[in-house]
């Protein structure tokens, strides 16, 4: 019984230390886009909109998908 408690406390300590390291890493290593990436995203969005792309709402999605199966004749 005593070893189980020690094992649980050890596991908990390792989990807390791992969580703290992950949080510190996320705050220390930030990613910032450079000008080339921003320009590439802008061109891709412009290309999508010139080809007739429009973002669908959930109601549009439900209308377009087949939720009832296919009708056979």
PDB file of N, CA and C in Angstrom:
ATOM      1  N   UNK A   1       0.828  -1.192   0.000  1.00  0.00           N
ATOM      2  CA  UNK A   1       0.000   0.000   0.000  1.00  0.00           C
ATOM      3  C   UNK A   1       0.870   1.253   0.000  1.00  0.00           C
ATOM      4  N   UNK A   2       1.939   1.201   0.800  1.00  0.00           N
ATOM      5  CA  UNK A   2       2.842   2.348   0.898  1.00  0.00           C
ATOM      6  C   UNK A   2       3.516   2.622  -0.442  1.00  0.00           C
ATOM      7  N   UNK A   3       3.892   1.555  -1.181  1.00  0.00           N
ATOM      8  CA  UNK A   3       4.542   1.724  -2.480  1.00  0.00           C
ATOM      9  C   UNK A   3       3.585   2.298  -3.521  1.00  0.00           C
ATOM     10  N   UNK A   4       2.328   1.963  -3.399  1.00  0.00           N
ATOM     11  CA  UNK A   4       1.333   2.500  -4.330  1.00  0.00           C
ATOM     12  C   UNK A   4       1.196   4.010  -4.143  1.00  0.00           C
ATOM     13  N   UNK A   5       1.208   4.449  -2.902  1.00  0.00           N
ATOM     14  CA  UNK A   5       1.099   5.886  -2.632  1.00  0.00           C
ATOM     15  C   UNK A   5       2.340   6.608  -3.139  1.00  0.00           C
ATOM     16  N   UNK A   6       3.510   6.038  -2.910  1.00  0.00           N
ATOM     17  CA  UNK A   6       4.747   6.643  -3.404  1.00  0.00           C
ATOM     18  C   UNK A   6       4.741   6.682  -4.937  1.00  0.00           C
ATOM     19  N   UNK A   7       4.278   5.619  -5.570  1.00  0.00           N
ATOM     20  CA  UNK A   7       4.194   5.590  -7.027  1.00  0.00           C
ATOM     21  C   UNK A   7       3.239   6.637  -7.565  1.00  0.00           C
ATOM     22  N   UNK A   8       2.099   6.786  -6.900  1.00  0.00           N
ATOM     23  CA  UNK A   8       1.129   7.788  -7.336  1.00  0.00           C
ATOM     24  C   UNK A   8       1.686   9.192  -7.181  1.00  0.00           C
ATOM     25  N   UNK A   9       2.335   9.477  -6.072  1.00  0.00           N
ATOM     26  CA  UNK A   9       2.927  10.800  -5.849  1.00  0.00           C
ATOM     27  C   UNK A   9       4.034  11.049  -6.873  1.00  0.00           C
ATOM     28  N   UNK A  10       4.841  10.045  -7.159  1.00  0.00           N
ATOM     29  CA  UNK A  10       5.890  10.192  -8.164  1.00  0.00           C
ATOM     30  C   UNK A  10       5.324  10.456  -9.549  1.00  0.00           C
ATOM     31  N   UNK A  11       4.309   9.708  -9.911  1.00  0.00           N
ATOM     32  CA  UNK A  11       3.661   9.918 -11.209  1.00  0.00           C
ATOM     33  C   UNK A  11       3.062  11.312 -11.294  1.00  0.00           C
ATOM     34  N   UNK A  12       2.417  11.748 -10.240  1.00  0.00           N
ATOM     35  CA  UNK A  12       1.814  13.079 -10.200  1.00  0.00           C
ATOM     36  C   UNK A  12       2.884  14.161 -10.327  1.00  0.00           C
ATOM     37  N   UNK A  13       4.015  13.986  -9.637  1.00  0.00           N
ATOM     38  CA  UNK A  13       5.099  14.968  -9.700  1.00  0.00           C
ATOM     39  C   UNK A  13       5.671  15.046 -11.113  1.00  0.00           C
ATOM     40  N   UNK A  14       5.879  13.915 -11.750  1.00  0.00           N
ATOM     41  CA  UNK A  14       6.407  13.901 -13.118  1.00  0.00           C
ATOM     42  C   UNK A  14       5.415  14.557 -14.078  1.00  0.00           C
ATOM     43  N   UNK A  15       4.135  14.304 -13.874  1.00  0.00           N
ATOM     44  CA  UNK A  15       3.116  14.909 -14.741  1.00  0.00           C
ATOM     45  C   UNK A  15       3.098  16.425 -14.580  1.00  0.00           C
ATOM     46  N   UNK A  16       3.193  16.913 -13.362  1.00  0.00           N
ATOM     47  CA  UNK A  16       3.189  18.358 -13.122  1.00  0.00           C
ATOM     48  C   UNK A  16       4.441  19.003 -13.715  1.00  0.00           C
ATOM     49  N   UNK A  17       5.587  18.352 -13.566  1.00  0.00           N
ATOM     50  CA  UNK A  17       6.827  18.893 -14.135  1.00  0.00           C
ATOM     51  C   UNK A  17       6.749  18.921 -15.662  1.00  0.00           C
ATOM     52  N   UNK A  18       6.225  17.868 -16.269  1.00  0.00           N
ATOM     53  CA  UNK A  18       6.063  17.839 -17.724  1.00  0.00           C
ATOM     54  C   UNK A  18       5.113  18.906 -18.216  1.00  0.00           C
ATOM     55  N   UNK A  19       4.032  19.117 -17.485  1.00  0.00           N
ATOM     56  CA  UNK A  19       3.066  20.153 -17.851  1.00  0.00           C
ATOM     57  C   UNK A  19       3.714  21.531 -17.766  1.00  0.00           C
ATOM     58  N   UNK A  20       4.497  21.776 -16.709  1.00  0.00           N
ATOM     59  CA  UNK A  20       5.160  23.071 -16.545  1.00  0.00           C
ATOM     60  C   UNK A  20       6.161  23.321 -17.671  1.00  0.00           C
ATOM     61  N   UNK A  21       6.898  22.302 -18.060  1.00  0.00           N
ATOM     62  CA  UNK A  21       7.860  22.445 -19.163  1.00  0.00           C
ATOM     63  C   UNK A  21       7.137  22.765 -20.463  1.00  0.00           C
ATOM     64  N   UNK A  22       6.029  22.101 -20.711  1.00  0.00           N
ATOM     65  CA  UNK A  22       5.267  22.351 -21.939  1.00  0.00           C
ATOM     66  C   UNK A  22       4.708  23.771 -21.957  1.00  0.00           C
ATOM     67  N   UNK A  23       4.233  24.262 -20.820  1.00  0.00           N
ATOM     68  CA  UNK A  23       3.711  25.628 -20.757  1.00  0.00           C
ATOM     69  C   UNK A  23       4.819  26.645 -20.983  1.00  0.00           C
ATOM     70  N   UNK A  24       5.984  26.422 -20.393  1.00  0.00           N
ATOM     71  CA  UNK A  24       7.100  27.350 -20.572  1.00  0.00           C
ATOM     72  C   UNK A  24       7.591  27.347 -22.008  1.00  0.00           C
ATOM     73  N   UNK A  25       7.614  26.170 -22.623  1.00  0.00           N
ATOM     74  CA  UNK A  25       8.068  26.072 -24.007  1.00  0.00           C
ATOM     75  C   UNK A  25       7.123  26.837 -24.931  1.00  0.00           C
ATOM     76  N   UNK A  26       5.825  26.731 -24.697  1.00  0.00           N
ATOM     77  CA  UNK A  26       4.848  27.422 -25.543  1.00  0.00           C
ATOM     78  C   UNK A  26       4.984  28.931 -25.416  1.00  0.00           C
ATOM     79  N   UNK A  27       5.340  29.413 -24.247  1.00  0.00           N
ATOM     80  CA  UNK A  27       5.496  30.860 -24.068  1.00  0.00           C
ATOM     81  C   UNK A  27       6.847  31.351 -24.567  1.00  0.00           C
ATOM     82  N   UNK A  28       7.871  30.517 -24.504  1.00  0.00           N
ATOM     83  CA  UNK A  28       9.213  30.931 -24.902  1.00  0.00           C
ATOM     84  C   UNK A  28       9.416  30.834 -26.410  1.00  0.00           C
ATOM     85  N   UNK A  29       8.827  29.857 -27.060  1.00  0.00           N
ATOM     86  CA  UNK A  29       9.029  29.625 -28.490  1.00  0.00           C
ATOM     87  C   UNK A  29       7.793  30.064 -29.255  1.00  0.00           C
ATOM     88  N   UNK A  30       7.746  31.317 -29.623  1.00  0.00           N
ATOM     89  CA  UNK A  30       6.607  31.821 -30.383  1.00  0.00           C
ATOM     90  C   UNK A  30       6.973  31.853 -31.867  1.00  0.00           C
ATOM     91  N   UNK A  31       5.969  31.770 -32.707  1.00  0.00           N
ATOM     92  CA  UNK A  31       6.185  31.759 -34.150  1.00  0.00           C
ATOM     93  C   UNK A  31       5.582  33.025 -34.737  1.00  0.00           C
ATOM     94  N   UNK A  32       6.364  33.712 -35.534  1.00  0.00           N
ATOM     95  CA  UNK A  32       5.887  34.906 -36.214  1.00  0.00           C
ATOM     96  C   UNK A  32       6.072  34.725 -37.712  1.00  0.00           C
ATOM     97  N   UNK A  33       5.039  35.037 -38.460  1.00  0.00           N
ATOM     98  CA  UNK A  33       5.098  34.878 -39.911  1.00  0.00           C
ATOM     99  C   UNK A  33       5.968  35.973 -40.514  1.00  0.00           C
ATOM    100  N   UNK A  34       6.721  35.599 -41.549  1.00  0.00           N
ATOM    101  CA  UNK A  34       7.501  36.606 -42.251  1.00  0.00           C
ATOM    102  C   UNK A  34       6.675  37.151 -43.413  1.00  0.00           C
ATOM    103  N   UNK A  35       7.236  38.110 -44.117  1.00  0.00           N
ATOM    104  CA  UNK A  35       6.510  38.782 -45.199  1.00  0.00           C
ATOM    105  C   UNK A  35       6.147  37.822 -46.336  1.00  0.00           C
ATOM    106  N   UNK A  36       7.023  36.867 -46.648  1.00  0.00           N
ATOM    107  CA  UNK A  36       6.740  35.919 -47.729  1.00  0.00           C
ATOM    108  C   UNK A  36       5.525  35.064 -47.412  1.00  0.00           C
ATOM    109  N   UNK A  37       5.410  34.603 -46.168  1.00  0.00           N
ATOM    110  CA  UNK A  37       4.265  33.776 -45.773  1.00  0.00           C
ATOM    111  C   UNK A  37       2.968  34.570 -45.790  1.00  0.00           C
ATOM    112  N   UNK A  38       3.028  35.802 -45.331  1.00  0.00           N
ATOM    113  CA  UNK A  38       1.834  36.651 -45.345  1.00  0.00           C
ATOM    114  C   UNK A  38       1.379  36.897 -46.775  1.00  0.00           C
ATOM    115  N   UNK A  39       2.332  37.174 -47.667  1.00  0.00           N
ATOM    116  CA  UNK A  39       2.002  37.408 -49.075  1.00  0.00           C
ATOM    117  C   UNK A  39       1.440  36.147 -49.733  1.00  0.00           C
ATOM    118  N   UNK A  40       2.000  34.974 -49.407  1.00  0.00           N
ATOM    119  CA  UNK A  40       1.513  33.719 -49.982  1.00  0.00           C
ATOM    120  C   UNK A  40       0.090  33.428 -49.508  1.00  0.00           C
ATOM    121  N   UNK A  41      -0.214  33.687 -48.244  1.00  0.00           N
ATOM    122  CA  UNK A  41      -1.580  33.484 -47.743  1.00  0.00           C
ATOM    123  C   UNK A  41      -2.558  34.443 -48.413  1.00  0.00           C
ATOM    124  N   UNK A  42      -2.138  35.690 -48.615  1.00  0.00           N
ATOM    125  CA  UNK A  42      -3.007  36.659 -49.266  1.00  0.00           C
ATOM    126  C   UNK A  42      -3.309  36.247 -50.707  1.00  0.00           C
ATOM    127  N   UNK A  43      -2.279  35.779 -51.415  1.00  0.00           N
ATOM    128  CA  UNK A  43      -2.474  35.337 -52.801  1.00  0.00           C
ATOM    129  C   UNK A  43      -3.388  34.109 -52.866  1.00  0.00           C
ATOM    130  N   UNK A  44      -3.218  33.180 -51.930  1.00  0.00           N
ATOM    131  CA  UNK A  44      -4.057  31.983 -51.913  1.00  0.00           C
ATOM    132  C   UNK A  44      -5.519  32.346 -51.629  1.00  0.00           C
ATOM    133  N   UNK A  45      -5.750  33.251 -50.699  1.00  0.00           N
ATOM    134  CA  UNK A  45      -7.122  33.669 -50.399  1.00  0.00           C
ATOM    135  C   UNK A  45      -7.735  34.404 -51.585  1.00  0.00           C
ATOM    136  N   UNK A  46      -6.937  35.244 -52.227  1.00  0.00           N
ATOM    137  CA  UNK A  46      -7.428  35.973 -53.400  1.00  0.00           C
ATOM    138  C   UNK A  46      -7.783  35.004 -54.528  1.00  0.00           C
ATOM    139  N   UNK A  47      -6.956  33.995 -54.726  1.00  0.00           N
ATOM    140  CA  UNK A  47      -7.205  33.004 -55.770  1.00  0.00           C
ATOM    141  C   UNK A  47      -8.484  32.218 -55.482  1.00  0.00           C
ATOM    142  N   UNK A  48      -8.703  31.852 -54.228  1.00  0.00           N
ATOM    143  CA  UNK A  48      -9.924  31.128 -53.865  1.00  0.00           C
ATOM    144  C   UNK A  48     -11.168  31.968 -54.151  1.00  0.00           C
ATOM    145  N   UNK A  49     -11.118  33.230 -53.796  1.00  0.00           N
ATOM    146  CA  UNK A  49     -12.298  34.079 -53.981  1.00  0.00           C
ATOM    147  C   UNK A  49     -12.542  34.420 -55.444  1.00  0.00           C
ATOM    148  N   UNK A  50     -11.497  34.486 -56.265  1.00  0.00           N
ATOM    149  CA  UNK A  50     -11.718  34.755 -57.689  1.00  0.00           C
ATOM    150  C   UNK A  50     -12.293  33.541 -58.397  1.00  0.00           C
ATOM    151  N   UNK A  51     -12.074  32.332 -57.862  1.00  0.00           N
ATOM    152  CA  UNK A  51     -12.620  31.124 -58.475  1.00  0.00           C
ATOM    153  C   UNK A  51     -13.998  30.755 -57.939  1.00  0.00           C
ATOM    154  N   UNK A  52     -14.632  31.655 -57.216  1.00  0.00           N
ATOM    155  CA  UNK A  52     -15.997  31.409 -56.764  1.00  0.00           C
ATOM    156  C   UNK A  52     -16.105  30.745 -55.412  1.00  0.00           C
ATOM    157  N   UNK A  53     -15.072  30.751 -54.618  1.00  0.00           N
ATOM    158  CA  UNK A  53     -15.137  30.139 -53.287  1.00  0.00           C
ATOM    159  C   UNK A  53     -15.893  31.050 -52.350  1.00  0.00           C
ATOM    160  N   UNK A  54     -16.792  30.460 -51.588  1.00  0.00           N
ATOM    161  CA  UNK A  54     -17.438  31.197 -50.510  1.00  0.00           C
ATOM    162  C   UNK A  54     -17.590  30.244 -49.336  1.00  0.00           C
ATOM    163  N   UNK A  55     -17.351  30.756 -48.157  1.00  0.00           N
ATOM    164  CA  UNK A  55     -17.432  29.914 -46.973  1.00  0.00           C
ATOM    165  C   UNK A  55     -18.887  29.585 -46.688  1.00  0.00           C
ATOM    166  N   UNK A  56     -19.159  28.320 -46.430  1.00  0.00           N
ATOM    167  CA  UNK A  56     -20.530  27.872 -46.209  1.00  0.00           C
ATOM    168  C   UNK A  56     -20.881  27.915 -44.731  1.00  0.00           C
ATOM    169  N   UNK A  57     -22.127  28.254 -44.459  1.00  0.00           N
ATOM    170  CA  UNK A  57     -22.611  28.195 -43.087  1.00  0.00           C
ATOM    171  C   UNK A  57     -23.029  26.760 -42.787  1.00  0.00           C
ATOM    172  N   UNK A  58     -23.358  26.486 -41.558  1.00  0.00           N
ATOM    173  CA  UNK A  58     -23.757  25.125 -41.190  1.00  0.00           C
ATOM    174  C   UNK A  58     -25.058  24.737 -41.895  1.00  0.00           C
ATOM    175  N   UNK A  59     -25.921  25.689 -42.132  1.00  0.00           N
ATOM    176  CA  UNK A  59     -27.178  25.387 -42.846  1.00  0.00           C
ATOM    177  C   UNK A  59     -26.904  25.006 -44.297  1.00  0.00           C
ATOM    178  N   UNK A  60     -25.935  25.677 -44.927  1.00  0.00           N
ATOM    179  CA  UNK A  60     -25.563  25.321 -46.298  1.00  0.00           C
ATOM    180  C   UNK A  60     -24.964  23.919 -46.352  1.00  0.00           C
ATOM    181  N   UNK A  61     -24.170  23.592 -45.359  1.00  0.00           N
ATOM    182  CA  UNK A  61     -23.553  22.269 -45.314  1.00  0.00           C
ATOM    183  C   UNK A  61     -24.613  21.191 -45.185  1.00  0.00           C
ATOM    184  N   UNK A  62     -25.584  21.395 -44.306  1.00  0.00           N
ATOM    185  CA  UNK A  62     -26.640  20.401 -44.102  1.00  0.00           C
ATOM    186  C   UNK A  62     -27.467  20.227 -45.371  1.00  0.00           C
ATOM    187  N   UNK A  63     -27.707  21.316 -46.112  1.00  0.00           N
ATOM    188  CA  UNK A  63     -28.457  21.214 -47.365  1.00  0.00           C
ATOM    189  C   UNK A  63     -27.696  20.413 -48.417  1.00  0.00           C
ATOM    190  N   UNK A  64     -26.381  20.540 -48.434  1.00  0.00           N
ATOM    191  CA  UNK A  64     -25.582  19.942 -49.501  1.00  0.00           C
ATOM    192  C   UNK A  64     -25.144  18.509 -49.246  1.00  0.00           C
ATOM    193  N   UNK A  65     -25.104  18.076 -48.013  1.00  0.00           N
ATOM    194  CA  UNK A  65     -24.643  16.715 -47.752  1.00  0.00           C
ATOM    195  C   UNK A  65     -25.822  15.756 -47.793  1.00  0.00           C
ATOM    196  N   UNK A  66     -25.519  14.513 -47.996  1.00  0.00           N
ATOM    197  CA  UNK A  66     -26.558  13.503 -48.036  1.00  0.00           C
ATOM    198  C   UNK A  66     -26.693  12.869 -46.649  1.00  0.00           C
ATOM    199  N   UNK A  67     -27.659  13.346 -45.887  1.00  0.00           N
ATOM    200  CA  UNK A  67     -27.836  12.816 -44.531  1.00  0.00           C
ATOM    201  C   UNK A  67     -28.871  11.695 -44.496  1.00  0.00           C
ATOM    202  N   UNK A  68     -29.635  11.549 -45.584  1.00  0.00           N
ATOM    203  CA  UNK A  68     -30.693  10.534 -45.605  1.00  0.00           C
ATOM    204  C   UNK A  68     -30.368   9.394 -46.550  1.00  0.00           C
ATOM    205  N   UNK A  69     -29.180   9.398 -47.127  1.00  0.00           N
ATOM    206  CA  UNK A  69     -28.833   8.325 -48.056  1.00  0.00           C
ATOM    207  C   UNK A  69     -29.255   8.666 -49.461  1.00  0.00           C
ATOM    208  N   UNK A  70     -29.171   7.702 -50.338  1.00  0.00           N
ATOM    209  CA  UNK A  70     -29.491   7.898 -51.735  1.00  0.00           C
ATOM    210  C   UNK A  70     -30.834   7.260 -52.056  1.00  0.00           C
ATOM    211  N   UNK A  71     -31.582   7.909 -52.902  1.00  0.00           N
ATOM    212  CA  UNK A  71     -32.875   7.382 -53.316  1.00  0.00           C
ATOM    213  C   UNK A  71     -32.668   6.522 -54.548  1.00  0.00           C
ATOM    214  N   UNK A  72     -33.154   5.294 -54.494  1.00  0.00           N
ATOM    215  CA  UNK A  72     -33.040   4.394 -55.641  1.00  0.00           C
ATOM    216  C   UNK A  72     -34.375   4.354 -56.362  1.00  0.00           C
ATOM    217  N   UNK A  73     -34.329   4.175 -57.659  1.00  0.00           N
ATOM    218  CA  UNK A  73     -35.576   4.136 -58.441  1.00  0.00           C
ATOM    219  C   UNK A  73     -35.904   2.738 -58.869  1.00  0.00           C
TER     220      UNK A  73
END
